[in-house]
Amino acid sequence: MEHTGSSGWRITADTSAQMLMALYFHDVAGLEGAGLPAVSAAEPPIRRADPRQLTAHVGGPTALRREWENWWSHLVKEDTGASTALDPPAFKAFDGSPALQLVMQAHYGAATTWARERKAEYQREAQEREASGRSKLISRLVQDREMELGRDARQFELKLIELPLHEARAWYVEPNRMILSQKLIEDEAAYRSFVQPVVELLV
């Protein structure tokens, strides 16, 4: 989903295949509270598999948490196309993160299936939003701010990354992206409470 204004602003909304995979590994390993932003667990829930035995000889859960947080920080900051590719079965790109590499090797198949299902669900939801007009809410926020200021919006780009998170909220990642629960848009007041301050900052 993309919205572009006459003054050159651009807002895109999509999910992220790599972040979906990261979310699966986060939840399957029980890494609650890990990463910045520390997003909530996924929905539908992912069954946990205790990683202690699997990672015991490479630093255990402490090392796993640190390695996952490092990967997550790259995913949050970078465009998904520039992120480290997941290359099964060896995941050579993660040789420097042996605990995370072992979790990936153990759960890659289930993670891929789960992520594929969530991506398909997101695409169906996006089509429903377009049909219902809910997808235009973000454009309305910009237009409302333009009217309030009495001028066109400045040139800006905002990327909304929507994930199937249990907690209906959003996290602003400076300078130009937000991570949102994809169900947040179902509650216009809640959506506005998280997204409007960012739009006001950028417009």
N, C-alpha and C. Protein backbone atom coordinates (compact mmCIF):
# COMPACT_ATOMS: atom_id res chain seq x y z
N MET A 1 0.85 -1.18 0.00
CA MET A 1 0.00 0.00 0.00
C MET A 1 0.89 1.24 0.00
N GLU A 2 0.63 2.16 -0.91
CA GLU A 2 1.43 3.37 -1.01
C GLU A 2 0.54 4.59 -1.15
N HIS A 3 0.89 5.65 -0.44
CA HIS A 3 0.19 6.92 -0.55
C HIS A 3 1.23 7.99 -0.86
N THR A 4 0.96 8.81 -1.87
CA THR A 4 1.87 9.88 -2.25
C THR A 4 1.09 11.18 -2.37
N GLY A 5 1.65 12.23 -1.78
CA GLY A 5 0.99 13.53 -1.83
C GLY A 5 1.58 14.44 -2.89
N SER A 6 0.86 15.47 -3.25
CA SER A 6 1.29 16.38 -4.32
C SER A 6 2.56 17.14 -3.96
N SER A 7 2.82 17.31 -2.65
CA SER A 7 4.01 18.06 -2.25
C SER A 7 5.25 17.16 -2.15
N GLY A 8 5.10 15.89 -2.50
CA GLY A 8 6.26 15.02 -2.54
C GLY A 8 6.41 14.07 -1.36
N TRP A 9 5.44 14.06 -0.46
CA TRP A 9 5.53 13.10 0.64
C TRP A 9 5.07 11.72 0.16
N ARG A 10 5.58 10.71 0.84
CA ARG A 10 5.28 9.33 0.44
C ARG A 10 5.20 8.45 1.68
N ILE A 11 4.11 7.71 1.79
CA ILE A 11 3.94 6.76 2.90
C ILE A 11 3.65 5.39 2.30
N THR A 12 4.42 4.40 2.71
CA THR A 12 4.18 3.03 2.26
C THR A 12 3.88 2.16 3.47
N ALA A 13 3.04 1.16 3.25
CA ALA A 13 2.73 0.20 4.31
C ALA A 13 2.85 -1.20 3.73
N ASP A 14 3.59 -2.05 4.43
CA ASP A 14 3.76 -3.43 3.99
C ASP A 14 4.24 -4.24 5.18
N THR A 15 4.27 -5.55 5.00
CA THR A 15 4.88 -6.39 6.02
C THR A 15 6.31 -6.68 5.58
N SER A 16 7.06 -7.43 6.37
CA SER A 16 8.46 -7.73 6.06
C SER A 16 8.70 -9.22 6.25
N ALA A 17 9.09 -9.91 5.17
CA ALA A 17 9.32 -11.36 5.25
C ALA A 17 10.42 -11.68 6.26
N GLN A 18 11.49 -10.89 6.26
CA GLN A 18 12.59 -11.16 7.20
C GLN A 18 12.18 -10.91 8.64
N MET A 19 11.40 -9.86 8.87
CA MET A 19 10.96 -9.58 10.23
C MET A 19 9.98 -10.66 10.71
N LEU A 20 9.17 -11.19 9.81
CA LEU A 20 8.29 -12.29 10.19
C LEU A 20 9.11 -13.48 10.65
N MET A 21 10.18 -13.80 9.92
CA MET A 21 11.06 -14.90 10.32
C MET A 21 11.71 -14.60 11.68
N ALA A 22 12.19 -13.37 11.84
CA ALA A 22 12.81 -12.99 13.11
C ALA A 22 11.82 -13.11 14.26
N LEU A 23 10.58 -12.72 14.00
CA LEU A 23 9.54 -12.80 15.03
C LEU A 23 9.29 -14.25 15.44
N TYR A 24 9.31 -15.14 14.45
CA TYR A 24 9.11 -16.57 14.77
C TYR A 24 10.25 -17.07 15.67
N PHE A 25 11.49 -16.78 15.29
CA PHE A 25 12.63 -17.25 16.10
C PHE A 25 12.61 -16.62 17.49
N HIS A 26 12.19 -15.36 17.57
CA HIS A 26 12.05 -14.65 18.85
C HIS A 26 11.09 -15.40 19.77
N ASP A 27 9.94 -15.78 19.23
CA ASP A 27 8.91 -16.39 20.07
C ASP A 27 9.19 -17.85 20.35
N VAL A 28 9.71 -18.58 19.36
CA VAL A 28 9.98 -20.00 19.59
C VAL A 28 11.06 -20.18 20.66
N ALA A 29 11.98 -19.22 20.75
CA ALA A 29 13.06 -19.29 21.73
C ALA A 29 12.72 -18.60 23.05
N GLY A 30 11.52 -18.00 23.14
CA GLY A 30 11.11 -17.35 24.38
C GLY A 30 11.92 -16.12 24.72
N LEU A 31 12.17 -15.27 23.73
CA LEU A 31 13.01 -14.08 23.95
C LEU A 31 12.18 -12.84 24.29
N GLU A 32 11.24 -13.00 25.21
CA GLU A 32 10.38 -11.87 25.58
C GLU A 32 11.21 -10.67 26.02
N GLY A 33 10.82 -9.50 25.53
CA GLY A 33 11.49 -8.26 25.94
C GLY A 33 12.80 -7.99 25.23
N ALA A 34 13.18 -8.85 24.28
CA ALA A 34 14.46 -8.66 23.58
C ALA A 34 14.31 -7.63 22.46
N GLY A 35 15.40 -6.93 22.18
CA GLY A 35 15.46 -6.04 21.03
C GLY A 35 14.91 -4.65 21.28
N LEU A 36 15.29 -3.75 20.38
CA LEU A 36 14.78 -2.38 20.38
C LEU A 36 14.25 -2.07 18.99
N PRO A 37 12.97 -1.78 18.83
CA PRO A 37 11.98 -1.85 19.91
C PRO A 37 11.66 -3.29 20.31
N ALA A 38 11.30 -3.46 21.58
CA ALA A 38 10.95 -4.78 22.09
C ALA A 38 9.48 -5.04 21.79
N VAL A 39 9.24 -5.64 20.64
CA VAL A 39 7.86 -5.87 20.21
C VAL A 39 7.24 -7.01 21.01
N SER A 40 5.92 -7.07 20.98
CA SER A 40 5.21 -8.12 21.71
C SER A 40 5.28 -9.43 20.96
N ALA A 41 4.73 -10.46 21.56
CA ALA A 41 4.68 -11.78 20.93
C ALA A 41 3.77 -11.74 19.70
N ALA A 42 3.95 -12.74 18.85
CA ALA A 42 3.17 -12.82 17.62
C ALA A 42 1.77 -13.35 17.88
N GLU A 43 0.91 -13.10 16.91
CA GLU A 43 -0.44 -13.63 16.92
C GLU A 43 -0.76 -14.15 15.52
N PRO A 44 -1.12 -15.43 15.36
CA PRO A 44 -1.37 -16.42 16.41
C PRO A 44 -0.09 -16.81 17.14
N PRO A 45 -0.23 -17.30 18.39
CA PRO A 45 0.95 -17.62 19.20
C PRO A 45 1.79 -18.73 18.58
N ILE A 46 3.08 -18.66 18.85
CA ILE A 46 4.05 -19.66 18.39
C ILE A 46 4.44 -20.51 19.59
N ARG A 47 4.38 -21.82 19.40
CA ARG A 47 4.72 -22.72 20.51
C ARG A 47 6.21 -22.62 20.83
N ARG A 48 6.50 -22.43 22.10
CA ARG A 48 7.89 -22.25 22.52
C ARG A 48 8.63 -23.59 22.55
N ALA A 49 9.92 -23.55 22.17
CA ALA A 49 10.81 -24.71 22.28
C ALA A 49 12.05 -24.25 23.05
N ASP A 50 12.22 -24.75 24.26
CA ASP A 50 13.31 -24.30 25.14
C ASP A 50 14.66 -24.44 24.42
N PRO A 51 15.39 -23.31 24.24
CA PRO A 51 16.65 -23.36 23.48
C PRO A 51 17.88 -23.72 24.32
N ARG A 52 17.71 -23.98 25.61
CA ARG A 52 18.88 -24.13 26.49
C ARG A 52 19.79 -25.28 26.06
N GLN A 53 19.18 -26.44 25.82
CA GLN A 53 20.00 -27.60 25.45
C GLN A 53 20.64 -27.40 24.08
N LEU A 54 19.88 -26.88 23.15
CA LEU A 54 20.36 -26.66 21.78
C LEU A 54 21.56 -25.72 21.74
N THR A 55 21.55 -24.70 22.58
CA THR A 55 22.58 -23.65 22.50
C THR A 55 23.58 -23.70 23.65
N ALA A 56 23.52 -24.74 24.48
CA ALA A 56 24.34 -24.79 25.70
C ALA A 56 25.83 -24.64 25.42
N HIS A 57 26.33 -25.23 24.34
CA HIS A 57 27.77 -25.21 24.06
C HIS A 57 28.23 -23.96 23.30
N VAL A 58 27.30 -23.05 23.00
CA VAL A 58 27.68 -21.81 22.30
C VAL A 58 27.18 -20.56 23.05
N GLY A 59 27.05 -20.68 24.35
CA GLY A 59 26.70 -19.50 25.16
C GLY A 59 25.30 -19.49 25.72
N GLY A 60 24.47 -20.46 25.30
CA GLY A 60 23.14 -20.59 25.87
C GLY A 60 22.21 -19.43 25.55
N PRO A 61 21.11 -19.32 26.30
CA PRO A 61 20.09 -18.29 26.04
C PRO A 61 20.62 -16.86 26.09
N THR A 62 21.63 -16.60 26.91
CA THR A 62 22.19 -15.24 26.99
C THR A 62 22.81 -14.84 25.67
N ALA A 63 23.60 -15.75 25.09
CA ALA A 63 24.22 -15.47 23.80
C ALA A 63 23.16 -15.38 22.71
N LEU A 64 22.18 -16.27 22.77
CA LEU A 64 21.10 -16.26 21.77
C LEU A 64 20.37 -14.93 21.77
N ARG A 65 20.04 -14.43 22.95
CA ARG A 65 19.34 -13.14 23.06
C ARG A 65 20.19 -12.02 22.44
N ARG A 66 21.45 -11.99 22.78
CA ARG A 66 22.35 -10.94 22.27
C ARG A 66 22.46 -11.01 20.74
N GLU A 67 22.59 -12.22 20.21
CA GLU A 67 22.72 -12.40 18.75
C GLU A 67 21.43 -12.04 18.03
N TRP A 68 20.29 -12.45 18.61
CA TRP A 68 19.01 -12.10 17.98
C TRP A 68 18.81 -10.59 18.00
N GLU A 69 19.14 -9.96 19.13
CA GLU A 69 18.98 -8.49 19.22
C GLU A 69 19.84 -7.76 18.18
N ASN A 70 21.03 -8.26 17.93
CA ASN A 70 21.90 -7.66 16.93
C ASN A 70 21.28 -7.78 15.54
N TRP A 71 20.75 -8.96 15.23
CA TRP A 71 20.09 -9.17 13.93
C TRP A 71 18.85 -8.28 13.80
N TRP A 72 18.04 -8.24 14.85
CA TRP A 72 16.82 -7.43 14.85
C TRP A 72 17.14 -5.95 14.62
N SER A 73 18.21 -5.46 15.25
CA SER A 73 18.57 -4.05 15.08
C SER A 73 18.90 -3.75 13.62
N HIS A 74 19.52 -4.69 12.92
CA HIS A 74 19.80 -4.50 11.49
C HIS A 74 18.51 -4.51 10.68
N LEU A 75 17.60 -5.40 11.02
CA LEU A 75 16.33 -5.47 10.29
C LEU A 75 15.52 -4.19 10.49
N VAL A 76 15.54 -3.66 11.71
CA VAL A 76 14.78 -2.45 12.02
C VAL A 76 15.33 -1.24 11.28
N LYS A 77 16.65 -1.14 11.18
CA LYS A 77 17.28 0.05 10.61
C LYS A 77 17.38 0.02 9.10
N GLU A 78 17.53 -1.18 8.53
CA GLU A 78 17.83 -1.27 7.11
C GLU A 78 16.59 -1.59 6.30
N ASP A 79 16.69 -1.33 5.00
CA ASP A 79 15.67 -1.81 4.08
C ASP A 79 15.78 -3.33 4.02
N THR A 80 14.64 -4.00 3.91
CA THR A 80 14.65 -5.46 3.96
C THR A 80 15.52 -6.05 2.86
N GLY A 81 15.61 -5.38 1.71
CA GLY A 81 16.43 -5.90 0.62
C GLY A 81 17.92 -5.92 0.95
N ALA A 82 18.33 -5.05 1.87
CA ALA A 82 19.75 -4.96 2.23
C ALA A 82 20.10 -5.84 3.42
N SER A 83 19.11 -6.52 3.99
CA SER A 83 19.34 -7.32 5.18
C SER A 83 20.03 -8.64 4.84
N THR A 84 20.65 -9.22 5.85
CA THR A 84 21.35 -10.49 5.67
C THR A 84 20.38 -11.57 5.20
N ALA A 85 20.74 -12.23 4.12
CA ALA A 85 19.87 -13.27 3.57
C ALA A 85 19.90 -14.52 4.45
N LEU A 86 18.75 -15.17 4.55
CA LEU A 86 18.69 -16.45 5.24
C LEU A 86 18.98 -17.54 4.20
N ASP A 87 20.09 -18.22 4.39
CA ASP A 87 20.53 -19.19 3.38
C ASP A 87 20.66 -20.58 3.99
N PRO A 88 19.53 -21.31 4.06
CA PRO A 88 19.58 -22.65 4.62
C PRO A 88 20.37 -23.60 3.71
N PRO A 89 20.87 -24.72 4.24
CA PRO A 89 20.72 -25.17 5.63
C PRO A 89 21.80 -24.66 6.58
N ALA A 90 22.91 -24.12 6.03
CA ALA A 90 24.04 -23.77 6.90
C ALA A 90 23.92 -22.38 7.53
N PHE A 91 23.20 -21.46 6.87
CA PHE A 91 23.07 -20.08 7.35
C PHE A 91 24.46 -19.47 7.60
N LYS A 92 25.31 -19.56 6.56
CA LYS A 92 26.71 -19.13 6.68
C LYS A 92 26.83 -17.66 7.08
N ALA A 93 25.87 -16.86 6.68
CA ALA A 93 25.93 -15.43 7.02
C ALA A 93 25.85 -15.20 8.53
N PHE A 94 25.41 -16.23 9.25
CA PHE A 94 25.27 -16.10 10.71
C PHE A 94 26.34 -16.90 11.46
N ASP A 95 27.48 -17.16 10.80
CA ASP A 95 28.58 -17.89 11.46
C ASP A 95 29.05 -17.18 12.72
N GLY A 96 28.92 -15.85 12.74
CA GLY A 96 29.32 -15.09 13.93
C GLY A 96 28.28 -15.07 15.03
N SER A 97 27.13 -15.71 14.78
CA SER A 97 26.05 -15.80 15.77
C SER A 97 25.65 -17.27 15.91
N PRO A 98 26.52 -18.09 16.51
CA PRO A 98 26.30 -19.54 16.49
C PRO A 98 25.03 -20.01 17.20
N ALA A 99 24.63 -19.33 18.28
CA ALA A 99 23.41 -19.74 18.99
C ALA A 99 22.19 -19.48 18.11
N LEU A 100 22.13 -18.30 17.51
CA LEU A 100 21.02 -17.96 16.61
C LEU A 100 21.03 -18.88 15.39
N GLN A 101 22.21 -19.18 14.88
CA GLN A 101 22.35 -20.06 13.73
C GLN A 101 21.75 -21.44 14.02
N LEU A 102 22.01 -21.97 15.22
CA LEU A 102 21.46 -23.28 15.60
C LEU A 102 19.94 -23.24 15.70
N VAL A 103 19.40 -22.17 16.25
CA VAL A 103 17.94 -22.02 16.34
C VAL A 103 17.34 -21.94 14.94
N MET A 104 17.98 -21.20 14.06
CA MET A 104 17.51 -21.11 12.67
C MET A 104 17.51 -22.49 12.01
N GLN A 105 18.58 -23.23 12.20
CA GLN A 105 18.68 -24.56 11.58
C GLN A 105 17.59 -25.49 12.12
N ALA A 106 17.31 -25.37 13.41
CA ALA A 106 16.32 -26.27 14.03
C ALA A 106 14.89 -25.92 13.65
N HIS A 107 14.61 -24.64 13.39
CA HIS A 107 13.21 -24.21 13.24
C HIS A 107 12.90 -23.53 11.90
N TYR A 108 13.84 -23.58 10.96
CA TYR A 108 13.66 -22.85 9.70
C TYR A 108 12.41 -23.29 8.94
N GLY A 109 12.18 -24.59 8.86
CA GLY A 109 11.02 -25.09 8.10
C GLY A 109 9.71 -24.56 8.65
N ALA A 110 9.53 -24.69 9.98
CA ALA A 110 8.30 -24.22 10.62
C ALA A 110 8.18 -22.70 10.51
N ALA A 111 9.32 -22.01 10.64
CA ALA A 111 9.31 -20.54 10.56
C ALA A 111 8.90 -20.09 9.16
N THR A 112 9.40 -20.78 8.14
CA THR A 112 9.07 -20.42 6.75
C THR A 112 7.58 -20.60 6.48
N THR A 113 7.03 -21.73 6.93
CA THR A 113 5.60 -21.99 6.74
C THR A 113 4.77 -20.93 7.45
N TRP A 114 5.12 -20.64 8.69
CA TRP A 114 4.39 -19.66 9.49
C TRP A 114 4.46 -18.28 8.84
N ALA A 115 5.66 -17.88 8.41
CA ALA A 115 5.83 -16.56 7.80
C ALA A 115 5.05 -16.46 6.49
N ARG A 116 5.06 -17.52 5.72
CA ARG A 116 4.34 -17.52 4.44
C ARG A 116 2.83 -17.35 4.68
N GLU A 117 2.32 -18.05 5.69
CA GLU A 117 0.89 -17.95 6.02
C GLU A 117 0.54 -16.54 6.48
N ARG A 118 1.40 -15.95 7.29
CA ARG A 118 1.14 -14.59 7.79
C ARG A 118 1.19 -13.58 6.65
N LYS A 119 2.12 -13.76 5.72
CA LYS A 119 2.22 -12.85 4.57
C LYS A 119 0.95 -12.92 3.73
N ALA A 120 0.45 -14.14 3.51
CA ALA A 120 -0.79 -14.30 2.73
C ALA A 120 -1.96 -13.64 3.45
N GLU A 121 -2.03 -13.80 4.78
CA GLU A 121 -3.09 -13.17 5.56
C GLU A 121 -3.00 -11.64 5.44
N TYR A 122 -1.77 -11.12 5.51
CA TYR A 122 -1.59 -9.68 5.43
C TYR A 122 -2.08 -9.16 4.08
N GLN A 123 -1.76 -9.87 3.02
CA GLN A 123 -2.17 -9.43 1.68
C GLN A 123 -3.70 -9.42 1.55
N ARG A 124 -4.35 -10.42 2.15
CA ARG A 124 -5.83 -10.45 2.14
C ARG A 124 -6.37 -9.26 2.93
N GLU A 125 -5.79 -9.00 4.10
CA GLU A 125 -6.23 -7.87 4.92
C GLU A 125 -6.04 -6.54 4.18
N ALA A 126 -4.91 -6.41 3.48
CA ALA A 126 -4.62 -5.17 2.76
C ALA A 126 -5.67 -4.94 1.67
N GLN A 127 -6.08 -6.01 1.00
CA GLN A 127 -7.12 -5.88 -0.03
C GLN A 127 -8.46 -5.47 0.59
N GLU A 128 -8.76 -6.04 1.76
CA GLU A 128 -10.00 -5.68 2.46
C GLU A 128 -9.98 -4.21 2.89
N ARG A 129 -8.83 -3.73 3.33
CA ARG A 129 -8.70 -2.33 3.73
C ARG A 129 -8.94 -1.40 2.55
N GLU A 130 -8.36 -1.77 1.41
CA GLU A 130 -8.56 -0.95 0.20
C GLU A 130 -10.04 -0.90 -0.16
N ALA A 131 -10.69 -2.06 -0.11
CA ALA A 131 -12.10 -2.14 -0.48
C ALA A 131 -12.98 -1.34 0.48
N SER A 132 -12.64 -1.36 1.77
CA SER A 132 -13.46 -0.69 2.78
C SER A 132 -13.12 0.80 2.94
N GLY A 133 -11.96 1.21 2.40
CA GLY A 133 -11.54 2.60 2.54
C GLY A 133 -10.71 2.87 3.78
N ARG A 134 -10.50 1.84 4.63
CA ARG A 134 -9.71 2.04 5.86
C ARG A 134 -8.25 2.41 5.55
N SER A 135 -7.77 1.96 4.39
CA SER A 135 -6.37 2.25 4.04
C SER A 135 -6.13 3.74 3.82
N LYS A 136 -7.20 4.51 3.62
CA LYS A 136 -7.05 5.96 3.37
C LYS A 136 -6.85 6.76 4.66
N LEU A 137 -6.92 6.08 5.80
CA LEU A 137 -6.79 6.78 7.08
C LEU A 137 -5.46 7.52 7.18
N ILE A 138 -4.39 6.91 6.74
CA ILE A 138 -3.08 7.55 6.86
C ILE A 138 -3.01 8.82 6.02
N SER A 139 -3.62 8.81 4.82
CA SER A 139 -3.66 10.03 3.98
C SER A 139 -4.47 11.12 4.66
N ARG A 140 -5.57 10.72 5.32
CA ARG A 140 -6.40 11.71 6.03
C ARG A 140 -5.62 12.38 7.15
N LEU A 141 -4.75 11.62 7.82
CA LEU A 141 -3.95 12.20 8.90
C LEU A 141 -3.05 13.31 8.35
N VAL A 142 -2.46 13.07 7.18
CA VAL A 142 -1.61 14.08 6.56
C VAL A 142 -2.44 15.30 6.15
N GLN A 143 -3.57 15.03 5.52
CA GLN A 143 -4.43 16.13 5.06
C GLN A 143 -4.94 16.97 6.23
N ASP A 144 -5.30 16.31 7.32
CA ASP A 144 -5.76 17.04 8.51
C ASP A 144 -4.66 17.97 9.03
N ARG A 145 -3.43 17.46 9.04
CA ARG A 145 -2.32 18.26 9.53
C ARG A 145 -2.02 19.43 8.60
N GLU A 146 -2.15 19.20 7.29
CA GLU A 146 -1.94 20.28 6.32
C GLU A 146 -2.96 21.40 6.54
N MET A 147 -4.22 21.02 6.76
CA MET A 147 -5.27 22.02 7.02
C MET A 147 -4.99 22.78 8.30
N GLU A 148 -4.52 22.07 9.30
CA GLU A 148 -4.23 22.69 10.59
C GLU A 148 -3.10 23.72 10.46
N LEU A 149 -2.08 23.39 9.64
CA LEU A 149 -0.93 24.27 9.48
C LEU A 149 -1.15 25.33 8.40
N GLY A 150 -2.15 25.11 7.54
CA GLY A 150 -2.40 26.04 6.45
C GLY A 150 -1.34 26.01 5.36
N ARG A 151 -0.72 24.88 5.17
CA ARG A 151 0.29 24.72 4.13
C ARG A 151 0.37 23.25 3.72
N ASP A 152 1.05 23.01 2.57
CA ASP A 152 1.29 21.64 2.15
C ASP A 152 2.31 20.97 3.07
N ALA A 153 2.26 19.67 3.11
CA ALA A 153 3.24 18.92 3.89
C ALA A 153 4.63 19.11 3.30
N ARG A 154 5.63 19.04 4.17
CA ARG A 154 7.00 19.01 3.67
C ARG A 154 7.23 17.70 2.94
N GLN A 155 8.30 17.64 2.18
CA GLN A 155 8.67 16.40 1.52
C GLN A 155 9.17 15.42 2.59
N PHE A 156 8.57 14.26 2.66
CA PHE A 156 9.03 13.24 3.61
C PHE A 156 8.64 11.86 3.12
N GLU A 157 9.29 10.87 3.70
CA GLU A 157 8.95 9.48 3.42
C GLU A 157 8.77 8.76 4.75
N LEU A 158 7.70 7.99 4.86
CA LEU A 158 7.43 7.22 6.07
C LEU A 158 7.11 5.79 5.66
N LYS A 159 7.83 4.85 6.24
CA LYS A 159 7.62 3.44 5.93
C LYS A 159 6.96 2.76 7.13
N LEU A 160 5.78 2.19 6.91
CA LEU A 160 5.06 1.48 7.96
C LEU A 160 5.28 -0.02 7.74
N ILE A 161 5.86 -0.67 8.73
CA ILE A 161 6.10 -2.12 8.66
C ILE A 161 5.11 -2.78 9.60
N GLU A 162 4.18 -3.53 9.03
CA GLU A 162 3.10 -4.11 9.83
C GLU A 162 3.37 -5.59 10.08
N LEU A 163 3.24 -5.98 11.34
CA LEU A 163 3.53 -7.36 11.75
C LEU A 163 2.36 -7.90 12.56
N PRO A 164 2.18 -9.23 12.57
CA PRO A 164 1.06 -9.83 13.31
C PRO A 164 1.38 -9.95 14.80
N LEU A 165 1.29 -8.83 15.48
CA LEU A 165 1.66 -8.76 16.90
C LEU A 165 0.43 -8.81 17.79
N HIS A 166 0.59 -9.46 18.94
CA HIS A 166 -0.52 -9.60 19.88
C HIS A 166 -0.95 -8.25 20.45
N GLU A 167 0.03 -7.40 20.72
CA GLU A 167 -0.25 -6.08 21.31
C GLU A 167 -0.56 -5.08 20.21
N ALA A 168 -1.74 -4.46 20.27
CA ALA A 168 -2.16 -3.50 19.24
C ALA A 168 -1.53 -2.14 19.51
N ARG A 169 -0.30 -1.97 19.04
CA ARG A 169 0.38 -0.69 19.23
C ARG A 169 1.42 -0.49 18.14
N ALA A 170 2.18 0.60 18.24
CA ALA A 170 3.19 0.91 17.23
C ALA A 170 4.44 1.45 17.91
N TRP A 171 5.55 1.35 17.19
CA TRP A 171 6.84 1.82 17.67
C TRP A 171 7.47 2.67 16.58
N TYR A 172 7.84 3.90 16.91
CA TYR A 172 8.47 4.80 15.94
C TYR A 172 9.98 4.57 15.96
N VAL A 173 10.54 4.36 14.79
CA VAL A 173 11.99 4.17 14.65
C VAL A 173 12.51 5.33 13.81
N GLU A 174 13.21 6.24 14.44
CA GLU A 174 13.70 7.43 13.74
C GLU A 174 14.66 7.02 12.62
N PRO A 175 14.69 7.76 11.50
CA PRO A 175 13.93 9.00 11.28
C PRO A 175 12.62 8.80 10.52
N ASN A 176 12.41 7.61 9.91
CA ASN A 176 11.29 7.57 8.95
C ASN A 176 10.59 6.22 8.86
N ARG A 177 10.55 5.47 9.95
CA ARG A 177 9.80 4.22 9.87
C ARG A 177 9.09 3.91 11.17
N MET A 178 8.04 3.12 11.04
CA MET A 178 7.29 2.67 12.21
C MET A 178 7.04 1.17 12.07
N ILE A 179 7.09 0.49 13.19
CA ILE A 179 6.67 -0.91 13.26
C ILE A 179 5.33 -0.91 13.96
N LEU A 180 4.33 -1.54 13.33
CA LEU A 180 2.98 -1.53 13.86
C LEU A 180 2.42 -2.94 13.94
N SER A 181 1.57 -3.15 14.91
CA SER A 181 0.73 -4.34 14.88
C SER A 181 -0.25 -4.17 13.73
N GLN A 182 -0.39 -5.19 12.90
CA GLN A 182 -1.26 -5.01 11.72
C GLN A 182 -2.73 -4.91 12.08
N LYS A 183 -3.10 -5.27 13.32
CA LYS A 183 -4.50 -5.12 13.73
C LYS A 183 -4.80 -3.73 14.30
N LEU A 184 -3.76 -2.89 14.44
CA LEU A 184 -3.96 -1.57 15.04
C LEU A 184 -4.95 -0.73 14.24
N ILE A 185 -4.91 -0.85 12.92
CA ILE A 185 -5.76 -0.01 12.07
C ILE A 185 -7.25 -0.33 12.26
N GLU A 186 -7.56 -1.48 12.87
CA GLU A 186 -8.97 -1.82 13.12
C GLU A 186 -9.60 -0.89 14.15
N ASP A 187 -8.78 -0.23 14.96
CA ASP A 187 -9.25 0.71 15.98
C ASP A 187 -8.73 2.10 15.61
N GLU A 188 -9.58 2.90 14.95
CA GLU A 188 -9.10 4.18 14.41
C GLU A 188 -8.55 5.08 15.50
N ALA A 189 -9.19 5.12 16.66
CA ALA A 189 -8.71 6.00 17.74
C ALA A 189 -7.32 5.57 18.21
N ALA A 190 -7.12 4.28 18.37
CA ALA A 190 -5.81 3.78 18.80
C ALA A 190 -4.76 4.03 17.72
N TYR A 191 -5.14 3.79 16.46
CA TYR A 191 -4.21 4.02 15.34
C TYR A 191 -3.77 5.48 15.32
N ARG A 192 -4.75 6.38 15.44
CA ARG A 192 -4.42 7.80 15.46
C ARG A 192 -3.49 8.16 16.62
N SER A 193 -3.72 7.55 17.78
CA SER A 193 -2.93 7.91 18.97
C SER A 193 -1.45 7.58 18.78
N PHE A 194 -1.15 6.55 17.99
CA PHE A 194 0.25 6.18 17.75
C PHE A 194 0.83 6.86 16.51
N VAL A 195 0.05 6.94 15.43
CA VAL A 195 0.59 7.37 14.15
C VAL A 195 0.52 8.90 13.98
N GLN A 196 -0.52 9.53 14.50
CA GLN A 196 -0.69 10.97 14.30
C GLN A 196 0.47 11.80 14.80
N PRO A 197 1.04 11.52 16.00
CA PRO A 197 2.18 12.33 16.45
C PRO A 197 3.38 12.25 15.51
N VAL A 198 3.58 11.09 14.89
CA VAL A 198 4.69 10.93 13.95
C VAL A 198 4.41 11.71 12.67
N VAL A 199 3.18 11.61 12.18
CA VAL A 199 2.78 12.38 10.98
C VAL A 199 2.95 13.87 11.24
N GLU A 200 2.52 14.34 12.41
CA GLU A 200 2.64 15.77 12.74
C GLU A 200 4.11 16.21 12.77
N LEU A 201 4.96 15.32 13.25
CA LEU A 201 6.40 15.61 13.31
C LEU A 201 6.99 15.76 11.91
N LEU A 202 6.55 14.90 10.98
CA LEU A 202 7.12 14.87 9.64
C LEU A 202 6.51 15.91 8.71
N VAL A 203 5.20 16.17 8.87
CA VAL A 203 4.52 17.10 7.97
C VAL A 203 5.01 18.53 8.20
